[in-house]
């Protein structure tokens, strides 16, 4: 397992609207390997628009959405109010997830409402 606080395996090119990483951590009192997708809120809004055909009419809040375990990897989608995902943003995301001691499955929103523009 990865032992330094900010270590992760980068699976995409940076900077980008969306990044995929893997890293070790704890979830519900057990050691897991996180399969994380970190996305800007603008890109997330665009994805939702493309999927539903509707343009979202309100802002979004930053979120962590813990999904199912798939093939031994604990999935999580992290939406952040940043212009681009870069290495410092990913490091902060890893630290945030590792420090969130009572994290449960499902969506958890935090922070102020972010007014976005769909690209």
N, C-alpha and C. Protein backbone atom coordinates (compact mmCIF):
# COMPACT_ATOMS: atom_id res chain seq x y z
N UNK A 1 0.83 -1.19 0.00
CA UNK A 1 0.00 0.00 0.00
C UNK A 1 0.88 1.26 0.00
N UNK A 2 0.33 2.33 -0.50
CA UNK A 2 1.02 3.60 -0.54
C UNK A 2 1.05 4.18 0.87
N UNK A 3 2.23 4.68 1.32
CA UNK A 3 2.30 5.08 2.71
C UNK A 3 2.46 6.58 2.95
N UNK A 4 2.79 7.37 1.92
CA UNK A 4 2.90 8.81 2.15
C UNK A 4 1.54 9.45 1.95
N UNK A 5 1.26 10.50 2.72
CA UNK A 5 -0.06 11.11 2.76
C UNK A 5 -0.57 11.54 1.39
N UNK A 6 0.29 12.04 0.53
CA UNK A 6 -0.18 12.61 -0.75
C UNK A 6 0.11 11.72 -1.95
N UNK A 7 0.62 10.52 -1.76
CA UNK A 7 0.93 9.65 -2.90
C UNK A 7 -0.34 9.11 -3.54
N UNK A 8 -0.32 9.09 -4.87
CA UNK A 8 -1.42 8.53 -5.63
C UNK A 8 -0.91 8.15 -7.01
N UNK A 9 -1.63 7.27 -7.68
CA UNK A 9 -1.34 6.90 -9.06
C UNK A 9 -2.23 7.74 -9.96
N UNK A 10 -1.61 8.54 -10.83
CA UNK A 10 -2.34 9.38 -11.76
C UNK A 10 -2.63 8.57 -13.02
N UNK A 11 -3.90 8.51 -13.42
CA UNK A 11 -4.31 7.70 -14.56
C UNK A 11 -4.69 8.54 -15.77
N UNK A 12 -4.61 9.87 -15.66
CA UNK A 12 -4.95 10.77 -16.75
C UNK A 12 -3.90 11.87 -16.84
N UNK A 13 -3.99 12.70 -17.87
CA UNK A 13 -3.06 13.79 -18.08
C UNK A 13 -3.58 15.06 -17.40
N UNK A 14 -2.67 15.82 -16.82
CA UNK A 14 -3.01 17.09 -16.16
C UNK A 14 -2.38 18.26 -16.90
N UNK A 15 -2.94 19.46 -16.74
CA UNK A 15 -4.22 19.78 -16.09
C UNK A 15 -5.38 19.38 -17.00
N UNK A 16 -6.54 19.24 -16.38
CA UNK A 16 -7.72 18.79 -17.11
C UNK A 16 -8.97 19.16 -16.32
N UNK A 17 -10.13 19.02 -16.97
CA UNK A 17 -11.41 19.21 -16.27
C UNK A 17 -11.73 18.01 -15.39
N UNK A 18 -11.15 16.85 -15.75
CA UNK A 18 -11.42 15.60 -15.05
C UNK A 18 -10.11 14.83 -14.91
N UNK A 19 -9.88 14.28 -13.73
CA UNK A 19 -8.69 13.44 -13.51
C UNK A 19 -9.11 12.17 -12.80
N UNK A 20 -8.40 11.11 -13.09
CA UNK A 20 -8.66 9.82 -12.42
C UNK A 20 -7.38 9.42 -11.70
N UNK A 21 -7.55 9.03 -10.44
CA UNK A 21 -6.42 8.63 -9.61
C UNK A 21 -6.80 7.40 -8.79
N UNK A 22 -5.77 6.71 -8.32
CA UNK A 22 -5.95 5.60 -7.35
C UNK A 22 -5.00 5.85 -6.21
N UNK A 23 -5.47 5.54 -5.01
CA UNK A 23 -4.65 5.71 -3.82
C UNK A 23 -5.23 4.88 -2.68
N UNK A 24 -4.40 4.59 -1.70
CA UNK A 24 -4.85 3.79 -0.56
C UNK A 24 -5.43 4.69 0.52
N UNK A 25 -6.27 4.10 1.34
CA UNK A 25 -6.86 4.84 2.45
C UNK A 25 -7.78 3.95 3.26
N UNK A 26 -8.48 4.56 4.17
CA UNK A 26 -9.45 3.87 5.02
C UNK A 26 -10.86 4.24 4.59
N UNK A 27 -11.77 3.28 4.68
CA UNK A 27 -13.18 3.55 4.47
C UNK A 27 -13.97 2.58 5.33
N UNK A 28 -14.77 3.11 6.21
CA UNK A 28 -15.60 2.32 7.10
C UNK A 28 -14.76 1.28 7.84
N UNK A 29 -13.67 1.76 8.43
CA UNK A 29 -12.78 0.97 9.28
C UNK A 29 -12.06 -0.17 8.57
N UNK A 30 -11.84 -0.03 7.28
CA UNK A 30 -11.04 -1.02 6.57
C UNK A 30 -10.15 -0.33 5.54
N UNK A 31 -9.05 -0.98 5.21
CA UNK A 31 -8.12 -0.46 4.22
C UNK A 31 -8.70 -0.71 2.82
N UNK A 32 -8.69 0.33 1.99
CA UNK A 32 -9.21 0.22 0.62
C UNK A 32 -8.24 0.87 -0.35
N UNK A 33 -8.45 0.58 -1.61
CA UNK A 33 -7.81 1.34 -2.68
C UNK A 33 -8.93 2.14 -3.34
N UNK A 34 -8.80 3.46 -3.28
CA UNK A 34 -9.78 4.35 -3.87
C UNK A 34 -9.55 4.47 -5.37
N UNK A 35 -10.60 4.37 -6.15
CA UNK A 35 -10.60 4.70 -7.57
C UNK A 35 -11.40 5.99 -7.68
N UNK A 36 -10.67 7.11 -7.73
CA UNK A 36 -11.32 8.41 -7.66
C UNK A 36 -11.35 9.10 -9.01
N UNK A 37 -12.46 9.72 -9.28
CA UNK A 37 -12.58 10.65 -10.40
C UNK A 37 -12.79 12.02 -9.77
N UNK A 38 -11.91 12.95 -10.08
CA UNK A 38 -11.99 14.31 -9.55
C UNK A 38 -12.35 15.21 -10.72
N UNK A 39 -13.43 15.98 -10.58
CA UNK A 39 -13.99 16.73 -11.70
C UNK A 39 -14.32 18.16 -11.26
N UNK A 40 -14.12 19.11 -12.18
CA UNK A 40 -14.55 20.48 -11.87
C UNK A 40 -16.08 20.51 -11.88
N UNK A 41 -16.65 21.43 -11.13
CA UNK A 41 -18.11 21.53 -11.13
C UNK A 41 -18.63 21.95 -12.50
N UNK A 42 -17.88 22.77 -13.25
CA UNK A 42 -18.30 23.13 -14.61
C UNK A 42 -18.38 21.89 -15.49
N UNK A 43 -17.37 21.04 -15.45
CA UNK A 43 -17.37 19.82 -16.25
C UNK A 43 -18.49 18.88 -15.81
N UNK A 44 -18.73 18.81 -14.50
CA UNK A 44 -19.81 17.96 -13.98
C UNK A 44 -21.17 18.47 -14.49
N UNK A 45 -21.37 19.79 -14.46
CA UNK A 45 -22.62 20.37 -14.96
C UNK A 45 -22.78 20.07 -16.45
N UNK A 46 -21.68 20.17 -17.21
CA UNK A 46 -21.73 19.84 -18.63
C UNK A 46 -22.07 18.39 -18.88
N UNK A 47 -21.51 17.51 -18.06
CA UNK A 47 -21.80 16.07 -18.17
C UNK A 47 -23.27 15.80 -17.90
N UNK A 48 -23.79 16.43 -16.85
CA UNK A 48 -25.22 16.26 -16.52
C UNK A 48 -26.09 16.77 -17.65
N UNK A 49 -25.71 17.90 -18.24
CA UNK A 49 -26.46 18.48 -19.36
C UNK A 49 -26.45 17.51 -20.55
N UNK A 50 -25.31 16.94 -20.87
CA UNK A 50 -25.19 16.00 -21.99
C UNK A 50 -26.02 14.74 -21.75
N UNK A 51 -26.08 14.29 -20.49
CA UNK A 51 -26.81 13.06 -20.17
C UNK A 51 -28.32 13.27 -20.19
N UNK A 52 -28.76 14.43 -19.68
CA UNK A 52 -30.20 14.66 -19.54
C UNK A 52 -30.79 15.50 -20.67
N UNK A 53 -29.93 16.23 -21.41
CA UNK A 53 -30.42 17.11 -22.45
C UNK A 53 -30.92 18.44 -21.92
N UNK A 54 -30.83 18.63 -20.62
CA UNK A 54 -31.29 19.88 -20.00
C UNK A 54 -30.10 20.64 -19.43
N UNK A 55 -30.17 21.96 -19.56
CA UNK A 55 -29.13 22.79 -18.97
C UNK A 55 -29.50 23.04 -17.51
N UNK A 56 -28.61 22.68 -16.58
CA UNK A 56 -28.91 22.92 -15.16
C UNK A 56 -29.16 24.41 -14.92
N UNK A 57 -30.14 24.74 -14.12
CA UNK A 57 -30.50 26.14 -13.91
C UNK A 57 -30.11 26.67 -12.54
N UNK A 58 -29.35 25.92 -11.81
CA UNK A 58 -28.90 26.41 -10.51
C UNK A 58 -27.45 26.02 -10.30
N UNK A 59 -26.85 26.60 -9.29
CA UNK A 59 -25.46 26.27 -8.99
C UNK A 59 -25.33 24.92 -8.31
N UNK A 60 -24.11 24.53 -8.12
CA UNK A 60 -23.79 23.27 -7.46
C UNK A 60 -22.89 23.54 -6.27
N UNK A 61 -22.88 22.63 -5.35
CA UNK A 61 -21.93 22.67 -4.24
C UNK A 61 -20.89 21.59 -4.46
N UNK A 62 -19.70 21.82 -3.92
CA UNK A 62 -18.66 20.78 -3.96
C UNK A 62 -19.23 19.52 -3.33
N UNK A 63 -18.74 18.36 -3.77
CA UNK A 63 -19.30 17.11 -3.24
C UNK A 63 -18.29 15.98 -3.29
N UNK A 64 -18.58 14.99 -2.46
CA UNK A 64 -17.93 13.68 -2.49
C UNK A 64 -19.06 12.68 -2.65
N UNK A 65 -18.98 11.85 -3.67
CA UNK A 65 -20.03 10.85 -3.91
C UNK A 65 -19.36 9.47 -3.90
N UNK A 66 -19.51 8.78 -2.78
CA UNK A 66 -18.89 7.46 -2.62
C UNK A 66 -19.81 6.42 -3.24
N UNK A 67 -19.29 5.74 -4.25
CA UNK A 67 -20.06 4.75 -4.97
C UNK A 67 -19.78 3.34 -4.49
N UNK A 68 -20.09 2.37 -5.31
CA UNK A 68 -19.89 0.97 -4.93
C UNK A 68 -18.44 0.55 -5.07
N UNK A 69 -18.11 -0.55 -4.43
CA UNK A 69 -16.81 -1.18 -4.65
C UNK A 69 -16.93 -2.01 -5.92
N UNK A 70 -15.98 -1.81 -6.83
CA UNK A 70 -15.99 -2.52 -8.11
C UNK A 70 -14.62 -3.15 -8.32
N UNK A 71 -14.61 -4.46 -8.45
CA UNK A 71 -13.38 -5.22 -8.69
C UNK A 71 -12.28 -4.86 -7.69
N UNK A 72 -12.65 -4.77 -6.43
CA UNK A 72 -11.69 -4.49 -5.37
C UNK A 72 -11.30 -3.04 -5.21
N UNK A 73 -11.92 -2.13 -5.96
CA UNK A 73 -11.63 -0.70 -5.85
C UNK A 73 -12.85 0.03 -5.33
N UNK A 74 -12.64 0.91 -4.34
CA UNK A 74 -13.74 1.71 -3.79
C UNK A 74 -13.88 2.96 -4.65
N UNK A 75 -15.01 3.10 -5.35
CA UNK A 75 -15.20 4.21 -6.27
C UNK A 75 -15.66 5.47 -5.52
N UNK A 76 -15.21 6.62 -6.03
CA UNK A 76 -15.63 7.90 -5.48
C UNK A 76 -15.52 8.96 -6.57
N UNK A 77 -16.51 9.82 -6.63
CA UNK A 77 -16.52 10.97 -7.52
C UNK A 77 -16.43 12.21 -6.64
N UNK A 78 -15.45 13.08 -6.93
CA UNK A 78 -15.25 14.30 -6.15
C UNK A 78 -15.42 15.48 -7.08
N UNK A 79 -16.40 16.34 -6.80
CA UNK A 79 -16.67 17.53 -7.60
C UNK A 79 -16.18 18.76 -6.86
N UNK A 80 -15.35 19.57 -7.53
CA UNK A 80 -14.72 20.72 -6.88
C UNK A 80 -14.94 22.02 -7.67
N UNK A 81 -15.08 23.15 -6.97
CA UNK A 81 -15.27 24.44 -7.62
C UNK A 81 -13.93 25.07 -8.03
N UNK A 82 -13.25 24.44 -8.95
CA UNK A 82 -11.97 24.93 -9.47
C UNK A 82 -12.07 25.00 -10.99
N UNK A 83 -11.17 25.80 -11.61
CA UNK A 83 -11.19 25.93 -13.06
C UNK A 83 -10.60 24.71 -13.76
N UNK A 84 -9.54 24.14 -13.17
CA UNK A 84 -8.88 22.96 -13.72
C UNK A 84 -8.39 22.07 -12.59
N UNK A 85 -8.34 20.79 -12.85
CA UNK A 85 -7.77 19.84 -11.90
C UNK A 85 -6.27 19.76 -12.20
N UNK A 86 -5.46 20.03 -11.18
CA UNK A 86 -4.00 19.94 -11.31
C UNK A 86 -3.46 19.11 -10.16
N UNK A 87 -2.14 18.94 -10.12
CA UNK A 87 -1.56 18.09 -9.08
C UNK A 87 -1.83 18.59 -7.67
N UNK A 88 -1.67 19.90 -7.37
CA UNK A 88 -2.00 20.35 -6.01
C UNK A 88 -3.46 20.08 -5.62
N UNK A 89 -4.37 20.23 -6.57
CA UNK A 89 -5.78 19.93 -6.30
C UNK A 89 -5.97 18.46 -5.98
N UNK A 90 -5.29 17.58 -6.71
CA UNK A 90 -5.40 16.15 -6.44
C UNK A 90 -4.81 15.80 -5.08
N UNK A 91 -3.68 16.39 -4.75
CA UNK A 91 -3.08 16.13 -3.44
C UNK A 91 -4.02 16.53 -2.31
N UNK A 92 -4.64 17.71 -2.45
CA UNK A 92 -5.60 18.16 -1.44
C UNK A 92 -6.80 17.23 -1.36
N UNK A 93 -7.24 16.72 -2.51
CA UNK A 93 -8.38 15.79 -2.54
C UNK A 93 -8.05 14.49 -1.82
N UNK A 94 -6.85 13.98 -2.03
CA UNK A 94 -6.41 12.75 -1.36
C UNK A 94 -6.38 12.98 0.15
N UNK A 95 -5.78 14.08 0.58
CA UNK A 95 -5.71 14.39 2.01
C UNK A 95 -7.12 14.53 2.59
N UNK A 96 -8.02 15.24 1.87
CA UNK A 96 -9.39 15.44 2.34
C UNK A 96 -10.08 14.09 2.55
N UNK A 97 -9.97 13.21 1.57
CA UNK A 97 -10.65 11.93 1.67
C UNK A 97 -10.05 11.07 2.79
N UNK A 98 -8.74 11.09 2.91
CA UNK A 98 -8.10 10.30 3.97
C UNK A 98 -8.42 10.84 5.36
N UNK A 99 -8.67 12.12 5.49
CA UNK A 99 -8.96 12.71 6.79
C UNK A 99 -10.44 12.67 7.16
N UNK A 100 -11.30 12.29 6.25
CA UNK A 100 -12.74 12.24 6.48
C UNK A 100 -13.06 10.92 7.18
N UNK A 101 -13.03 10.93 8.51
CA UNK A 101 -13.10 9.69 9.30
C UNK A 101 -14.47 9.01 9.30
N UNK A 102 -15.55 9.76 9.19
CA UNK A 102 -16.89 9.16 9.27
C UNK A 102 -17.59 9.10 7.92
N UNK A 103 -16.82 9.04 6.86
CA UNK A 103 -17.37 9.01 5.52
C UNK A 103 -18.22 7.75 5.31
N UNK A 104 -19.38 7.94 4.72
CA UNK A 104 -20.29 6.85 4.41
C UNK A 104 -20.56 6.84 2.90
N UNK A 105 -21.14 5.77 2.42
CA UNK A 105 -21.54 5.70 1.01
C UNK A 105 -22.57 6.78 0.71
N UNK A 106 -22.60 7.22 -0.53
CA UNK A 106 -23.57 8.23 -0.94
C UNK A 106 -22.92 9.58 -1.20
N UNK A 107 -23.76 10.55 -1.47
CA UNK A 107 -23.32 11.90 -1.83
C UNK A 107 -23.29 12.80 -0.61
N UNK A 108 -22.19 13.55 -0.47
CA UNK A 108 -22.00 14.49 0.63
C UNK A 108 -21.58 15.83 0.03
N UNK A 109 -22.42 16.86 0.21
CA UNK A 109 -22.13 18.18 -0.34
C UNK A 109 -21.56 19.07 0.75
N UNK A 110 -20.74 20.04 0.33
CA UNK A 110 -20.14 20.96 1.29
C UNK A 110 -19.79 22.27 0.59
N UNK A 111 -19.59 23.31 1.39
CA UNK A 111 -19.17 24.60 0.86
C UNK A 111 -20.31 25.41 0.30
N UNK A 112 -19.95 26.54 -0.28
CA UNK A 112 -20.92 27.46 -0.86
C UNK A 112 -21.41 26.97 -2.22
N UNK A 113 -22.55 27.49 -2.65
CA UNK A 113 -23.07 27.18 -3.97
C UNK A 113 -22.16 27.85 -5.00
N UNK A 114 -21.74 27.09 -6.00
CA UNK A 114 -20.86 27.55 -7.06
C UNK A 114 -21.71 27.80 -8.31
N UNK A 115 -21.71 29.03 -8.79
CA UNK A 115 -22.45 29.37 -10.02
C UNK A 115 -21.55 29.03 -11.20
N UNK A 116 -22.01 28.20 -12.08
CA UNK A 116 -21.18 27.67 -13.14
C UNK A 116 -21.63 28.15 -14.50
N UNK A 117 -20.82 27.87 -15.48
CA UNK A 117 -21.19 28.09 -16.88
C UNK A 117 -20.90 26.78 -17.61
N UNK A 118 -21.88 26.30 -18.35
CA UNK A 118 -21.74 25.04 -19.09
C UNK A 118 -20.97 25.34 -20.37
N UNK A 119 -19.89 24.56 -20.59
CA UNK A 119 -19.07 24.76 -21.78
C UNK A 119 -19.71 24.18 -23.01
